[in-house]
Every structure is written in structure tokens, then in C-alpha cells.
N, C-alpha and C. Protein backbone atom coordinates (compact mmCIF):
# COMPACT_ATOMS: atom_id res chain seq x y z
N MET A 1 -20.20 -7.91 -8.01
CA MET A 1 -21.71 -8.13 -8.83
C MET A 1 -21.07 -7.30 -10.11
N ARG A 2 -21.58 -7.93 -11.01
CA ARG A 2 -21.48 -7.07 -12.44
C ARG A 2 -22.73 -7.21 -13.27
N SER A 3 -23.00 -5.76 -13.85
CA SER A 3 -24.33 -5.76 -14.67
C SER A 3 -24.10 -4.82 -15.70
N TYR A 4 -24.81 -4.80 -16.58
CA TYR A 4 -24.95 -4.31 -17.82
C TYR A 4 -25.25 -2.50 -17.79
N VAL A 5 -24.86 -1.46 -18.14
CA VAL A 5 -25.97 -0.18 -18.04
C VAL A 5 -26.35 -0.13 -19.64
N PRO A 6 -27.54 0.96 -19.62
CA PRO A 6 -27.74 0.79 -20.79
C PRO A 6 -26.99 1.32 -22.16
N GLY A 7 -25.80 1.92 -21.83
CA GLY A 7 -24.81 2.03 -23.03
C GLY A 7 -23.79 0.97 -23.29
N GLY A 8 -24.34 -0.14 -22.91
CA GLY A 8 -23.59 -1.34 -22.88
C GLY A 8 -22.43 -1.69 -22.35
N ALA A 9 -21.94 -0.89 -21.44
CA ALA A 9 -20.57 -1.28 -20.71
C ALA A 9 -20.94 -1.96 -19.47
N LEU A 10 -20.02 -2.72 -19.17
CA LEU A 10 -19.89 -3.32 -18.21
C LEU A 10 -19.51 -3.23 -16.86
N VAL A 11 -20.31 -2.89 -15.41
CA VAL A 11 -19.87 -1.91 -14.64
C VAL A 11 -19.78 -3.14 -13.33
N SER A 12 -18.72 -3.01 -12.61
CA SER A 12 -19.07 -3.87 -11.37
C SER A 12 -18.57 -3.08 -9.91
N ASN A 13 -19.52 -3.86 -9.05
CA ASN A 13 -18.64 -3.03 -7.51
C ASN A 13 -17.73 -3.42 -6.83
N VAL A 14 -16.70 -2.61 -6.30
CA VAL A 14 -15.63 -2.93 -6.14
C VAL A 14 -15.63 -2.44 -4.72
N GLU A 15 -14.26 -2.71 -4.10
CA GLU A 15 -14.30 -2.11 -2.69
C GLU A 15 -12.68 -1.62 -3.01
N VAL A 16 -12.60 -0.30 -2.98
CA VAL A 16 -11.18 0.29 -3.47
C VAL A 16 -10.44 0.78 -1.92
N THR A 17 -8.92 0.90 -2.30
CA THR A 17 -8.18 1.35 -1.05
C THR A 17 -7.03 2.00 -2.01
N ALA A 18 -6.41 2.79 -0.95
CA ALA A 18 -5.03 3.55 -1.92
C ALA A 18 -4.61 2.60 -2.45
N THR A 19 -4.16 1.70 -2.63
CA THR A 19 -3.34 0.79 -3.46
C THR A 19 -4.49 0.56 -4.91
N THR A 20 -5.60 0.23 -4.55
CA THR A 20 -6.35 -0.32 -5.58
C THR A 20 -7.10 0.63 -6.60
N VAL A 21 -7.58 1.73 -5.67
CA VAL A 21 -8.00 2.81 -6.59
C VAL A 21 -7.41 3.11 -7.83
N GLN A 22 -8.72 3.64 -8.86
CA GLN A 22 -8.20 3.94 -10.00
C GLN A 22 -8.84 5.25 -10.86
N ARG A 23 -8.55 5.76 -11.93
CA ARG A 23 -8.77 6.73 -12.37
C ARG A 23 -10.33 6.17 -12.96
N GLY A 24 -11.42 7.08 -12.86
CA GLY A 24 -12.65 6.61 -13.38
C GLY A 24 -13.49 5.60 -12.55
N ASP A 25 -12.74 5.35 -11.75
CA ASP A 25 -14.00 4.82 -10.39
C ASP A 25 -14.89 6.04 -9.74
N ILE A 26 -15.95 5.35 -9.62
CA ILE A 26 -16.99 6.54 -8.97
C ILE A 26 -17.38 6.21 -7.39
N ILE A 27 -17.15 7.00 -6.62
CA ILE A 27 -17.15 6.47 -5.32
C ILE A 27 -18.21 7.46 -4.64
N GLN A 28 -19.03 6.48 -3.84
CA GLN A 28 -20.30 7.11 -3.18
C GLN A 28 -19.81 7.80 -1.73
N LEU A 29 -19.87 9.24 -1.72
CA LEU A 29 -19.82 9.83 -0.25
C LEU A 29 -20.88 10.40 -0.04
N GLY A 30 -21.48 10.36 1.14
CA GLY A 30 -22.30 11.12 2.14
C GLY A 30 -23.67 11.20 1.00
N GLY A 31 -24.26 10.21 0.22
CA GLY A 31 -24.92 10.17 -1.06
C GLY A 31 -24.87 10.98 -2.10
N HIS A 32 -23.74 10.96 -2.31
CA HIS A 32 -23.11 11.96 -3.68
C HIS A 32 -22.22 10.93 -4.33
N ALA A 33 -22.37 10.84 -5.68
CA ALA A 33 -21.15 10.13 -6.36
C ALA A 33 -19.93 10.74 -7.04
N PHE A 34 -18.86 10.66 -6.83
CA PHE A 34 -17.90 11.22 -7.08
C PHE A 34 -16.94 10.61 -8.18
N ARG A 35 -16.56 10.80 -9.25
CA ARG A 35 -15.69 10.23 -10.25
C ARG A 35 -14.41 10.59 -10.28
N VAL A 36 -13.68 9.92 -9.63
CA VAL A 36 -12.16 10.24 -9.72
C VAL A 36 -11.40 10.62 -10.73
N THR A 37 -10.81 11.56 -10.91
CA THR A 37 -10.03 12.11 -12.34
C THR A 37 -8.41 12.01 -12.40
N ASP A 38 -8.10 12.29 -10.90
CA ASP A 38 -6.54 11.87 -10.49
C ASP A 38 -6.34 11.60 -9.56
N LEU A 39 -5.22 10.96 -9.43
CA LEU A 39 -4.41 10.38 -8.27
C LEU A 39 -3.27 10.97 -7.78
N LEU A 40 -2.99 11.48 -6.41
CA LEU A 40 -1.67 11.75 -5.95
C LEU A 40 -1.07 11.33 -5.45
N GLN A 41 0.13 10.48 -5.32
CA GLN A 41 0.60 9.73 -4.13
C GLN A 41 1.23 10.59 -2.92
N LEU A 42 0.99 10.52 -1.98
CA LEU A 42 1.34 10.67 -0.34
C LEU A 42 2.37 9.85 0.05
N PRO A 43 2.91 10.50 1.26
CA PRO A 43 3.59 9.69 1.93
C PRO A 43 2.74 8.51 2.64
N GLN A 44 3.81 7.72 2.76
CA GLN A 44 3.27 6.21 3.58
C GLN A 44 2.27 5.50 2.79
N GLY A 45 2.03 5.78 1.78
CA GLY A 45 1.17 4.92 1.13
C GLY A 45 -0.30 5.37 0.81
N ALA A 46 -0.52 6.52 1.44
CA ALA A 46 -1.51 7.19 1.36
C ALA A 46 -1.87 7.94 -0.15
N LYS A 47 -3.22 8.14 -0.89
CA LYS A 47 -3.55 8.90 -1.74
C LYS A 47 -4.36 10.01 -1.49
N GLN A 48 -4.18 10.89 -2.60
CA GLN A 48 -5.30 11.91 -2.44
C GLN A 48 -5.61 11.82 -3.97
N LEU A 49 -7.34 11.81 -3.82
CA LEU A 49 -8.17 11.34 -5.12
C LEU A 49 -8.54 12.88 -5.23
N VAL A 50 -8.69 13.04 -6.61
CA VAL A 50 -9.27 14.40 -7.32
C VAL A 50 -10.58 13.74 -8.07
N PHE A 51 -11.39 14.38 -7.69
CA PHE A 51 -12.61 14.14 -8.28
C PHE A 51 -12.96 15.00 -9.56
N ASP A 52 -13.90 14.98 -10.42
CA ASP A 52 -14.23 15.50 -11.47
C ASP A 52 -14.91 17.10 -11.09
N SER A 53 -15.63 16.91 -9.65
CA SER A 53 -15.91 18.34 -9.28
C SER A 53 -14.82 19.22 -8.88
N GLY A 54 -13.93 18.90 -8.74
CA GLY A 54 -12.64 19.67 -8.23
C GLY A 54 -12.34 19.42 -6.86
N GLU A 55 -13.29 18.79 -6.20
CA GLU A 55 -12.96 18.32 -4.80
C GLU A 55 -12.01 17.35 -4.47
N LEU A 56 -11.20 17.47 -3.21
CA LEU A 56 -10.11 16.52 -2.87
C LEU A 56 -10.87 15.33 -1.71
N LEU A 57 -10.04 14.37 -1.73
CA LEU A 57 -10.39 13.29 -0.75
C LEU A 57 -9.28 12.81 -0.50
N THR A 58 -8.74 12.69 0.97
CA THR A 58 -7.52 11.77 1.03
C THR A 58 -7.68 10.47 1.86
N ILE A 59 -7.01 9.48 1.21
CA ILE A 59 -7.61 7.94 1.88
C ILE A 59 -6.16 7.66 2.40
N HIS A 60 -5.77 6.76 3.52
CA HIS A 60 -4.93 6.17 3.90
C HIS A 60 -4.73 4.91 3.79
N THR A 61 -3.51 4.16 3.98
CA THR A 61 -3.67 2.70 3.74
C THR A 61 -4.97 1.89 4.10
N ARG A 62 -5.27 2.28 5.13
CA ARG A 62 -6.19 1.37 5.83
C ARG A 62 -7.71 1.83 5.79
N THR A 63 -7.96 2.62 4.65
CA THR A 63 -9.21 3.60 4.45
C THR A 63 -9.83 2.55 2.97
N ARG A 64 -11.26 2.14 3.17
CA ARG A 64 -11.79 1.49 2.35
C ARG A 64 -13.07 1.88 1.81
N LEU A 65 -13.59 1.56 0.67
CA LEU A 65 -14.55 2.71 0.21
C LEU A 65 -15.26 1.64 -0.86
N ALA A 66 -16.53 1.62 -0.89
CA ALA A 66 -17.40 1.03 -1.87
C ALA A 66 -17.23 2.13 -3.21
N ALA A 67 -17.18 1.38 -4.26
CA ALA A 67 -16.98 2.01 -5.36
C ALA A 67 -17.60 1.27 -6.71
N VAL A 68 -18.16 1.84 -7.70
CA VAL A 68 -18.28 1.34 -9.09
C VAL A 68 -17.31 1.60 -9.91
N ARG A 69 -17.14 0.84 -11.18
CA ARG A 69 -15.93 0.17 -11.79
C ARG A 69 -16.59 0.19 -13.19
N VAL A 70 -16.22 0.62 -14.10
CA VAL A 70 -16.57 0.56 -15.63
C VAL A 70 -15.52 -0.16 -16.50
N LEU A 71 -15.93 -1.20 -16.44
CA LEU A 71 -15.17 -2.51 -17.26
C LEU A 71 -14.94 -2.05 -18.80
N ARG A 72 -13.52 -2.02 -18.82
CA ARG A 72 -13.44 -1.83 -20.38
C ARG A 72 -13.43 -2.86 -21.33
N ARG A 73 -13.84 -2.59 -22.61
CA ARG A 73 -13.87 -3.98 -22.98
C ARG A 73 -12.39 -4.14 -24.02
N ARG A 74 -11.98 -5.29 -24.35
CA ARG A 74 -10.92 -5.39 -25.05
C ARG A 74 -11.19 -6.02 -26.13
């Protein structure tokens, strides 16, 4: 599903994995939204996500999370 937000940006709900997660993705965890600011590659395909709040989350290759992605205009 894609929709417009008031600022005119196009957003999309996506399912992210360790392979597809990107900087800027907004992930909902425990009722709170966290924006991914950095990604660190770990052994065996895992990634450590760094959120703008400073918190860390490690996801493995089979982890699937719902996220909102702001699509950039071209």
C-alpha cells in the first residue's frame, strides 16, 4: 500500500529482513516507532540496526519486521 503524507512524500508499508532493511526505514517495535540511522553487517548475514534514539537491534537472516519506507522522488 502506498499513500501520501501531508508533506507530499510517498510512503509505503514494507516487510524488511536483514537483506532488505535500509537507512531511513521506520520500524514499529513494542508500540514505538524507531527510525534506522545506521546498519552494521554481522557474521552469517545478520545486521545490527542503529536507531536515531541510540538503541540497537540485531536481526538475523530469518527475522521479518513491518516497516514504513519513505520513497524518494526522482
